[in-house]
C-alpha atoms as a PDB file:
ATOM      1  CA  MET A   1      19.608 -11.390 -14.800  1.00  0.00           C
ATOM      2  CA  ILE A   2      16.901  -9.599 -13.028  1.00  0.00           C
ATOM      3  CA  GLN A   3      14.319 -12.071 -11.647  1.00  0.00           C
ATOM      4  CA  ALA A   4      12.880 -10.356  -8.697  1.00  0.00           C
ATOM      5  CA  ALA A   5      12.850  -6.750  -7.282  1.00  0.00           C
ATOM      6  CA  ILE A   6      12.773  -6.138  -3.498  1.00  0.00           C
ATOM      7  CA  PHE A   7      11.957  -2.630  -2.261  1.00  0.00           C
ATOM      8  CA  ASP A   8      12.827  -1.143   1.193  1.00  0.00           C
ATOM      9  CA  MET A   9       9.853   1.009   2.354  1.00  0.00           C
ATOM     10  CA  ASP A  10      10.887   3.951   4.583  1.00  0.00           C
ATOM     11  CA  GLY A  11      12.170   6.949   2.650  1.00  0.00           C
ATOM     12  CA  LEU A  12      12.098   4.697  -0.693  1.00  0.00           C
ATOM     13  CA  LEU A  13       8.398   4.052  -1.280  1.00  0.00           C
ATOM     14  CA  ILE A  14       7.147   6.699   1.045  1.00  0.00           C
ATOM     15  CA  ASP A  15       8.783  10.082   2.597  1.00  0.00           C
ATOM     16  CA  SER A  16       8.544   8.872   5.936  1.00  0.00           C
ATOM     17  CA  GLU A  17      11.983   9.420   7.200  1.00  0.00           C
ATOM     18  CA  PRO A  18      10.955  12.975   8.470  1.00  0.00           C
ATOM     19  CA  PHE A  19       8.281  11.224  10.645  1.00  0.00           C
ATOM     20  CA  TRP A  20      10.843   8.953  12.120  1.00  0.00           C
ATOM     21  CA  ARG A  21      13.216  11.700  12.817  1.00  0.00           C
ATOM     22  CA  LYS A  22      10.353  13.630  14.657  1.00  0.00           C
ATOM     23  CA  SER A  23       9.106  10.445  16.444  1.00  0.00           C
ATOM     24  CA  HIS A  24      12.502   9.476  17.978  1.00  0.00           C
ATOM     25  CA  ILE A  25      12.984  13.274  18.844  1.00  0.00           C
ATOM     26  CA  GLU A  26       9.583  13.584  20.599  1.00  0.00           C
ATOM     27  CA  VAL A  27       9.188  10.313  22.304  1.00  0.00           C
ATOM     28  CA  LEU A  28      12.978  10.627  23.656  1.00  0.00           C
ATOM     29  CA  GLY A  29      12.251  14.021  24.792  1.00  0.00           C
ATOM     30  CA  ASN A  30       9.175  13.130  26.715  1.00  0.00           C
ATOM     31  CA  TYR A  31      11.562  11.094  28.774  1.00  0.00           C
ATOM     32  CA  GLY A  32      13.984  13.899  29.145  1.00  0.00           C
ATOM     33  CA  PHE A  33      16.599  12.524  26.534  1.00  0.00           C
ATOM     34  CA  ILE A  34      17.846  14.598  23.773  1.00  0.00           C
ATOM     35  CA  VAL A  35      18.946  13.558  20.457  1.00  0.00           C
ATOM     36  CA  THR A  36      19.275  15.580  17.279  1.00  0.00           C
ATOM     37  CA  GLU A  37      17.852  14.966  13.695  1.00  0.00           C
ATOM     38  CA  ASP A  38      21.471  14.219  12.423  1.00  0.00           C
ATOM     39  CA  GLU A  39      21.735  11.581  15.343  1.00  0.00           C
ATOM     40  CA  VAL A  40      18.335   9.854  14.054  1.00  0.00           C
ATOM     41  CA  ARG A  41      19.375  10.186  10.270  1.00  0.00           C
ATOM     42  CA  VAL A  42      22.416   8.072  11.009  1.00  0.00           C
ATOM     43  CA  ALA A  43      20.115   5.254  12.058  1.00  0.00           C
ATOM     44  CA  ALA A  44      17.857   5.239   9.076  1.00  0.00           C
ATOM     45  CA  GLY A  45      17.273   1.566   7.926  1.00  0.00           C
ATOM     46  CA  LYS A  46      18.076  -0.023  11.248  1.00  0.00           C
ATOM     47  CA  ARG A  47      15.163  -2.090  12.972  1.00  0.00           C
ATOM     48  CA  THR A  48      13.398   0.749  15.733  1.00  0.00           C
ATOM     49  CA  THR A  49      14.324  -1.518  18.634  1.00  0.00           C
ATOM     50  CA  ASP A  50      17.992  -1.796  17.609  1.00  0.00           C
ATOM     51  CA  GLN A  51      18.210   2.076  17.612  1.00  0.00           C
ATOM     52  CA  VAL A  52      16.613   2.398  20.894  1.00  0.00           C
ATOM     53  CA  ALA A  53      18.825  -0.274  22.468  1.00  0.00           C
ATOM     54  CA  VAL A  54      21.306   2.351  21.253  1.00  0.00           C
ATOM     55  CA  TRP A  55      19.920   5.139  22.995  1.00  0.00           C
ATOM     56  CA  GLN A  56      19.014   3.161  25.899  1.00  0.00           C
ATOM     57  CA  GLU A  57      22.681   2.474  26.378  1.00  0.00           C
ATOM     58  CA  ARG A  58      23.740   6.027  25.825  1.00  0.00           C
ATOM     59  CA  PHE A  59      21.522   7.486  27.989  1.00  0.00           C
ATOM     60  CA  GLY A  60      21.547   4.838  30.798  1.00  0.00           C
ATOM     61  CA  TRP A  61      17.921   4.278  31.473  1.00  0.00           C
ATOM     62  CA  GLU A  62      16.174   1.166  33.078  1.00  0.00           C
ATOM     63  CA  GLU A  63      12.984   2.322  32.345  1.00  0.00           C
ATOM     64  CA  PRO A  64      10.775   2.478  30.423  1.00  0.00           C
ATOM     65  CA  SER A  65      11.595  -0.552  28.465  1.00  0.00           C
ATOM     66  CA  ASN A  66      12.950  -0.898  25.100  1.00  0.00           C
ATOM     67  CA  GLU A  67       9.564  -2.278  24.075  1.00  0.00           C
ATOM     68  CA  THR A  68       7.676   0.615  25.391  1.00  0.00           C
ATOM     69  CA  VAL A  69       9.573   3.474  23.867  1.00  0.00           C
ATOM     70  CA  THR A  70       9.673   1.244  20.373  1.00  0.00           C
ATOM     71  CA  GLY A  71       6.091   1.214  20.507  1.00  0.00           C
ATOM     72  CA  GLU A  72       5.600   4.843  21.203  1.00  0.00           C
ATOM     73  CA  ILE A  73       7.799   5.734  18.167  1.00  0.00           C
ATOM     74  CA  VAL A  74       6.283   3.101  15.784  1.00  0.00           C
ATOM     75  CA  GLN A  75       2.566   4.502  17.006  1.00  0.00           C
ATOM     76  CA  ASN A  76       3.628   8.158  16.289  1.00  0.00           C
ATOM     77  CA  VAL A  77       4.983   7.093  13.018  1.00  0.00           C
ATOM     78  CA  MET A  78       1.713   5.538  12.104  1.00  0.00           C
ATOM     79  CA  ARG A  79      -0.414   8.302  12.973  1.00  0.00           C
ATOM     80  CA  LEU A  80       1.921  10.713  10.807  1.00  0.00           C
ATOM     81  CA  VAL A  81       1.663   8.275   7.704  1.00  0.00           C
ATOM     82  CA  HIS A  82      -2.324   8.099   8.294  1.00  0.00           C
ATOM     83  CA  LEU A  83      -2.333  11.893   8.072  1.00  0.00           C
ATOM     84  CA  ASN A  84       0.407  12.944   5.681  1.00  0.00           C
ATOM     85  CA  GLY A  85       2.012   9.762   4.018  1.00  0.00           C
ATOM     86  CA  ILE A  86       2.559  10.184   0.246  1.00  0.00           C
ATOM     87  CA  ALA A  87       4.416   8.158  -2.262  1.00  0.00           C
ATOM     88  CA  LEU A  88       7.671   9.467  -3.213  1.00  0.00           C
ATOM     89  CA  PRO A  89       8.453  10.346  -7.013  1.00  0.00           C
ATOM     90  CA  GLY A  90       8.806   7.568  -9.181  1.00  0.00           C
ATOM     91  CA  VAL A  91       7.045   4.778  -6.896  1.00  0.00           C
ATOM     92  CA  TYR A  92       4.137   4.246  -9.254  1.00  0.00           C
ATOM     93  CA  HIS A  93       6.570   4.651 -12.327  1.00  0.00           C
ATOM     94  CA  ILE A  94       9.003   1.858 -11.450  1.00  0.00           C
ATOM     95  CA  ILE A  95       6.103  -0.655 -10.031  1.00  0.00           C
ATOM     96  CA  ALA A  96       4.329  -0.339 -13.365  1.00  0.00           C
ATOM     97  CA  LEU A  97       7.578  -0.895 -15.343  1.00  0.00           C
ATOM     98  CA  LEU A  98       8.388  -4.062 -13.516  1.00  0.00           C
ATOM     99  CA  LYS A  99       4.574  -5.169 -13.467  1.00  0.00           C
ATOM    100  CA  GLU A 100       4.978  -4.907 -17.311  1.00  0.00           C
ATOM    101  CA  ARG A 101       7.483  -7.332 -17.569  1.00  0.00           C
ATOM    102  CA  ALA A 102       6.223  -9.683 -14.930  1.00  0.00           C
ATOM    103  CA  ILE A 103       8.862  -9.120 -12.411  1.00  0.00           C
ATOM    104  CA  PRO A 104       7.657 -10.388  -9.140  1.00  0.00           C
ATOM    105  CA  MET A 105       8.126  -7.763  -6.295  1.00  0.00           C
ATOM    106  CA  ALA A 106       8.264  -7.842  -2.415  1.00  0.00           C
ATOM    107  CA  VAL A 107       9.081  -5.146   0.479  1.00  0.00           C
ATOM    108  CA  ALA A 108      11.760  -6.020   2.811  1.00  0.00           C
ATOM    109  CA  SER A 109      11.489  -3.360   5.566  1.00  0.00           C
ATOM    110  CA  SER A 110      13.023  -2.824   9.114  1.00  0.00           C
ATOM    111  CA  SER A 111       9.533  -1.545  10.304  1.00  0.00           C
ATOM    112  CA  ALA A 112       7.184  -3.495  12.228  1.00  0.00           C
ATOM    113  CA  SER A 113       4.623  -5.574  10.154  1.00  0.00           C
ATOM    114  CA  ASP A 114       1.623  -3.334  11.226  1.00  0.00           C
ATOM    115  CA  LEU A 115       3.334  -0.015   9.933  1.00  0.00           C
ATOM    116  CA  ILE A 116       4.071  -1.773   6.806  1.00  0.00           C
ATOM    117  CA  ASP A 117       0.740  -2.901   6.234  1.00  0.00           C
ATOM    118  CA  VAL A 118      -0.463   0.768   7.021  1.00  0.00           C
ATOM    119  CA  VAL A 119       1.987   2.376   4.490  1.00  0.00           C
ATOM    120  CA  LEU A 120       1.334  -0.253   1.594  1.00  0.00           C
ATOM    121  CA  GLN A 121      -2.515   0.448   2.288  1.00  0.00           C
ATOM    122  CA  ARG A 122      -1.905   4.190   2.289  1.00  0.00           C
ATOM    123  CA  LEU A 123      -0.064   4.159  -0.992  1.00  0.00           C
ATOM    124  CA  ASN A 124      -2.532   1.579  -2.409  1.00  0.00           C
ATOM    125  CA  VAL A 125       0.576  -0.887  -3.643  1.00  0.00           C
ATOM    126  CA  GLN A 126      -0.156  -3.691  -1.477  1.00  0.00           C
ATOM    127  CA  LYS A 127      -1.805  -5.538  -4.444  1.00  0.00           C
ATOM    128  CA  ASP A 128       1.515  -5.041  -6.440  1.00  0.00           C
ATOM    129  CA  MET A 129       3.622  -6.898  -3.974  1.00  0.00           C
ATOM    130  CA  GLU A 130       3.881 -10.612  -3.511  1.00  0.00           C
ATOM    131  CA  PHE A 131       4.324 -10.170  -0.006  1.00  0.00           C
ATOM    132  CA  ALA A 132       5.973  -7.961   2.652  1.00  0.00           C
ATOM    133  CA  HIS A 133       8.691  -8.992   5.095  1.00  0.00           C
ATOM    134  CA  SER A 134       9.685  -7.215   8.331  1.00  0.00           C
ATOM    135  CA  ALA A 135      13.242  -7.488   9.761  1.00  0.00           C
ATOM    136  CA  VAL A 136      11.739  -7.645  13.085  1.00  0.00           C
ATOM    137  CA  HIS A 137      11.123 -11.352  12.524  1.00  0.00           C
ATOM    138  CA  GLU A 138      14.913 -11.942  11.828  1.00  0.00           C
ATOM    139  CA  PRO A 139      17.829 -12.604  14.006  1.00  0.00           C
ATOM    140  CA  ARG A 140      19.606  -9.606  12.835  1.00  0.00           C
ATOM    141  CA  GLY A 141      18.302  -6.446  11.461  1.00  0.00           C
ATOM    142  CA  LYS A 142      19.966  -4.166   8.573  1.00  0.00           C
ATOM    143  CA  PRO A 143      22.903  -3.811   7.810  1.00  0.00           C
ATOM    144  CA  PHE A 144      23.027  -7.497   8.154  1.00  0.00           C
ATOM    145  CA  PRO A 145      21.575  -8.994   4.855  1.00  0.00           C
ATOM    146  CA  ASP A 146      19.165 -11.460   6.942  1.00  0.00           C
ATOM    147  CA  VAL A 147      15.722  -9.745   5.844  1.00  0.00           C
ATOM    148  CA  PHE A 148      16.808  -9.739   2.222  1.00  0.00           C
ATOM    149  CA  LEU A 149      18.038 -13.104   2.117  1.00  0.00           C
ATOM    150  CA  SER A 150      14.734 -14.660   3.557  1.00  0.00           C
ATOM    151  CA  THR A 151      12.599 -12.575   1.209  1.00  0.00           C
ATOM    152  CA  ALA A 152      14.760 -13.843  -1.801  1.00  0.00           C
ATOM    153  CA  LYS A 153      14.203 -17.134  -0.485  1.00  0.00           C
ATOM    154  CA  ARG A 154      10.370 -16.910  -0.063  1.00  0.00           C
ATOM    155  CA  LEU A 155      10.055 -15.529  -3.716  1.00  0.00           C
ATOM    156  CA  GLY A 156      12.161 -18.613  -4.972  1.00  0.00           C
ATOM    157  CA  VAL A 157      14.928 -16.480  -6.823  1.00  0.00           C
ATOM    158  CA  ALA A 158      18.659 -16.613  -6.147  1.00  0.00           C
ATOM    159  CA  PRO A 159      20.249 -13.425  -4.224  1.00  0.00           C
ATOM    160  CA  ALA A 160      22.264 -12.825  -7.347  1.00  0.00           C
ATOM    161  CA  ASP A 161      19.048 -12.389  -9.327  1.00  0.00           C
ATOM    162  CA  CYS A 162      17.354  -9.734  -7.257  1.00  0.00           C
ATOM    163  CA  VAL A 163      17.521  -6.039  -7.512  1.00  0.00           C
ATOM    164  CA  VAL A 164      17.199  -4.111  -4.290  1.00  0.00           C
ATOM    165  CA  PHE A 165      15.911  -0.518  -4.066  1.00  0.00           C
ATOM    166  CA  GLU A 166      16.885   1.482  -1.034  1.00  0.00           C
ATOM    167  CA  ASP A 167      17.667   4.786   0.250  1.00  0.00           C
ATOM    168  CA  SER A 168      19.904   4.127   3.389  1.00  0.00           C
ATOM    169  CA  LEU A 169      23.095   3.328   3.887  1.00  0.00           C
ATOM    170  CA  ASN A 170      22.384   0.473   6.242  1.00  0.00           C
ATOM    171  CA  GLY A 171      19.988  -1.003   3.750  1.00  0.00           C
ATOM    172  CA  ILE A 172      22.601  -0.665   0.872  1.00  0.00           C
ATOM    173  CA  LYS A 173      25.183  -2.682   3.044  1.00  0.00           C
ATOM    174  CA  ALA A 174      22.591  -5.366   3.692  1.00  0.00           C
ATOM    175  CA  ALA A 175      21.677  -5.755   0.046  1.00  0.00           C
ATOM    176  CA  LYS A 176      25.385  -6.079  -0.978  1.00  0.00           C
ATOM    177  CA  ALA A 177      26.081  -8.311   1.901  1.00  0.00           C
ATOM    178  CA  ALA A 178      23.185 -10.479   0.547  1.00  0.00           C
ATOM    179  CA  GLY A 179      25.105 -10.847  -2.858  1.00  0.00           C
ATOM    180  CA  MET A 180      22.189  -8.494  -4.565  1.00  0.00           C
ATOM    181  CA  GLN A 181      22.204  -5.733  -7.018  1.00  0.00           C
ATOM    182  CA  CYS A 182      21.474  -2.508  -5.308  1.00  0.00           C
ATOM    183  CA  ILE A 183      20.046   0.755  -6.748  1.00  0.00           C
ATOM    184  CA  ALA A 184      20.297   3.517  -4.191  1.00  0.00           C
ATOM    185  CA  VAL A 185      17.884   6.555  -4.049  1.00  0.00           C
ATOM    186  CA  PRO A 186      19.079   8.614  -1.145  1.00  0.00           C
ATOM    187  CA  GLU A 187      17.638  11.456   0.624  1.00  0.00           C
ATOM    188  CA  LYS A 188      18.940  14.719  -0.452  1.00  0.00           C
ATOM    189  CA  PRO A 189      21.226  16.083   0.086  1.00  0.00           C
ATOM    190  CA  TYR A 190      23.858  13.412   0.210  1.00  0.00           C
ATOM    191  CA  ASP A 191      27.745  12.466  -0.356  1.00  0.00           C
ATOM    192  CA  PRO A 192      27.712  10.284  -3.103  1.00  0.00           C
ATOM    193  CA  ALA A 193      31.017   8.904  -1.754  1.00  0.00           C
ATOM    194  CA  LYS A 194      29.280   7.452   1.250  1.00  0.00           C
ATOM    195  CA  PHE A 195      26.909   5.586  -1.385  1.00  0.00           C
ATOM    196  CA  HIS A 196      29.837   3.707  -3.132  1.00  0.00           C
ATOM    197  CA  GLU A 197      28.783   0.511  -2.331  1.00  0.00           C
ATOM    198  CA  ALA A 198      25.596   0.904  -4.587  1.00  0.00           C
ATOM    199  CA  ASP A 199      25.726  -0.403  -7.957  1.00  0.00           C
ATOM    200  CA  LEU A 200      23.840   2.772  -9.271  1.00  0.00           C
ATOM    201  CA  ILE A 201      22.904   5.849  -7.476  1.00  0.00           C
ATOM    202  CA  VAL A 202      19.753   8.042  -9.004  1.00  0.00           C
ATOM    203  CA  ASP A 203      18.329  11.158  -7.450  1.00  0.00           C
ATOM    204  CA  SER A 204      14.627   9.633  -7.941  1.00  0.00           C
ATOM    205  CA  LEU A 205      13.131   6.335  -9.079  1.00  0.00           C
ATOM    206  CA  GLU A 206      11.537   8.479 -11.933  1.00  0.00           C
ATOM    207  CA  GLN A 207      14.853   8.346 -13.658  1.00  0.00           C
ATOM    208  CA  LEU A 208      15.022   4.497 -14.018  1.00  0.00           C
ATOM    209  CA  ASP A 209      14.199   2.837 -17.037  1.00  0.00           C
ATOM    210  CA  TRP A 210      14.265  -1.082 -18.166  1.00  0.00           C
ATOM    211  CA  GLY A 211      17.420  -0.546 -19.986  1.00  0.00           C
ATOM    212  CA  GLY A 212      18.930   0.879 -16.964  1.00  0.00           C
ATOM    213  CA  ILE A 213      18.079  -1.979 -14.543  1.00  0.00           C
ATOM    214  CA  LYS A 214      19.198  -4.685 -16.935  1.00  0.00           C
ATOM    215  CA  SER A 215      22.692  -2.722 -17.304  1.00  0.00           C
ATOM    216  CA  LEU A 216      23.172  -3.812 -13.765  1.00  0.00           C
ATOM    217  CA  TRP A 217      23.577  -7.584 -15.084  1.00  0.00           C
ATOM    218  CA  GLN A 218      25.397  -6.433 -18.339  1.00  0.00           C
ATOM    219  CA  PRO A 219      28.066  -3.992 -17.664  1.00  0.00           C
ATOM    220  CA  GLU A 220      29.421  -1.975 -20.604  1.00  0.00           C
ATOM    221  CA  GLY A 221      33.044  -2.645 -21.637  1.00  0.00           C
END
């Protein structure tokens, strides 16, 4: 039965995936490397440093360092969050629904801790979360389950009693690898077949109610 809720952040709480795509494209472009929106979209849910390593291997550059490029991308996203960051539909609804039932909540994101803090403050939801945990501090990022397992341990809840809210394929794979229930809210348009590992797919957090969440532990039939 549900004992805790764990939220991804980018593309789930805040409409920041366009910021990430714009930032990867602009920063890499400044160094003469061209990537497309679709190529960045596939990387959604990964740690920035992991994806920069992919770009670095693909384009074969030695300088600037991974750390430099990652830092420039993250700083650009932070700037865009400050300017234009808004909560996605249903965020405040689902938080209120879980608070009413005293379900502890936490954020488990691939983003850097500084960016997580900026987003939660921008959305004014930091007070609703027990804590936020960044996959930057884990040996492996999503799609590996490390960030979710560490978050569950810190919450004091068994993985099987956690529900994860995710938008990306990498995040869904991480949640299921952790042995958790997972509700997917993919960015539109999306191919439902690609999100088959999720336990429930919805178009918006607005569509969720308590019965729908509980049903993940009480399948019909």
